[in-house]
């Protein structure tokens, strides 16, 4: 039983982290039970912190790519 409870709380944390990295608002927390909600919010805070510190950047810059040139003889 404890393993199931821990897995549920780990999943809540992970989902909150994903929401934070994605920039979702904390008001979108899907949990109402205190344990799950606090885990989700903890994950959300860590995700937001990582996003704001630049660890997770969704924009990709292609300006520094060099493409091989094909020479025709």
Protein backbone atom coordinates (compact mmCIF):
# COMPACT_ATOMS: atom_id res chain seq x y z
CA UNK A 1 0.00 0.00 0.00
CA UNK A 2 2.81 2.43 0.79
CA UNK A 3 4.39 1.86 -2.62
CA UNK A 4 1.11 2.72 -4.37
CA UNK A 5 0.77 5.89 -2.31
CA UNK A 6 4.34 6.93 -3.03
CA UNK A 7 3.87 6.25 -6.75
CA UNK A 8 0.75 8.41 -6.77
CA UNK A 9 2.58 11.25 -5.05
CA UNK A 10 5.57 10.89 -7.38
CA UNK A 11 3.22 11.07 -10.34
CA UNK A 12 1.55 14.20 -8.93
CA UNK A 13 4.97 15.83 -8.50
CA UNK A 14 5.98 14.87 -12.05
CA UNK A 15 2.75 16.21 -13.55
CA UNK A 16 3.18 19.46 -11.63
CA UNK A 17 6.77 19.74 -12.84
CA UNK A 18 5.64 19.27 -16.44
CA UNK A 19 2.96 21.92 -15.96
CA UNK A 20 5.51 24.35 -14.53
CA UNK A 21 7.98 23.80 -17.35
CA UNK A 22 5.12 24.28 -19.80
CA UNK A 23 4.22 27.61 -18.21
CA UNK A 24 0.78 26.60 -16.96
CA UNK A 25 -0.79 28.44 -14.04
CA UNK A 26 -0.85 26.82 -10.60
CA UNK A 27 -4.62 27.29 -10.59
CA UNK A 28 -4.79 24.40 -13.07
CA UNK A 29 -3.86 21.88 -10.37
CA UNK A 30 -6.14 18.88 -10.91
CA UNK A 31 -5.81 17.54 -7.34
CA UNK A 32 -8.03 18.29 -4.38
CA UNK A 33 -6.49 15.98 -1.74
CA UNK A 34 -3.89 17.81 0.34
CA UNK A 35 -0.99 15.34 -0.13
CA UNK A 36 -1.36 15.11 -3.89
CA UNK A 37 -1.99 18.82 -4.28
CA UNK A 38 1.08 19.78 -2.26
CA UNK A 39 3.24 17.38 -4.31
CA UNK A 40 1.84 18.80 -7.57
CA UNK A 41 2.51 22.36 -6.40
CA UNK A 42 6.04 21.43 -5.32
CA UNK A 43 6.74 20.01 -8.76
CA UNK A 44 5.12 23.05 -10.37
CA UNK A 45 7.39 25.40 -8.38
CA UNK A 46 10.50 23.48 -9.40
CA UNK A 47 9.37 23.47 -13.03
CA UNK A 48 8.73 27.22 -12.98
CA UNK A 49 12.11 27.85 -11.32
CA UNK A 50 13.88 25.78 -13.97
CA UNK A 51 11.99 27.52 -16.75
CA UNK A 52 12.75 30.99 -15.41
CA UNK A 53 16.42 30.19 -14.88
CA UNK A 54 16.72 29.09 -18.50
CA UNK A 55 17.14 25.35 -17.96
CA UNK A 56 14.19 24.56 -20.19
CA UNK A 57 14.02 26.62 -23.35
CA UNK A 58 11.49 25.56 -25.95
CA UNK A 59 12.73 27.91 -28.66
CA UNK A 60 15.41 26.49 -30.89
CA UNK A 61 17.75 28.67 -32.88
CA UNK A 62 18.88 27.40 -36.25
CA UNK A 63 21.07 30.39 -37.09
CA UNK A 64 24.28 28.62 -36.13
CA UNK A 65 23.75 25.51 -38.24
CA UNK A 66 25.93 25.00 -41.25
CA UNK A 67 24.48 22.89 -43.97
CA UNK A 68 26.69 20.86 -46.24
CA UNK A 69 26.94 22.24 -49.75
CA UNK A 70 26.43 19.95 -52.65
CA UNK A 71 28.82 20.71 -55.48
CA UNK A 72 27.88 19.69 -58.95
CA UNK A 73 30.73 18.96 -61.32
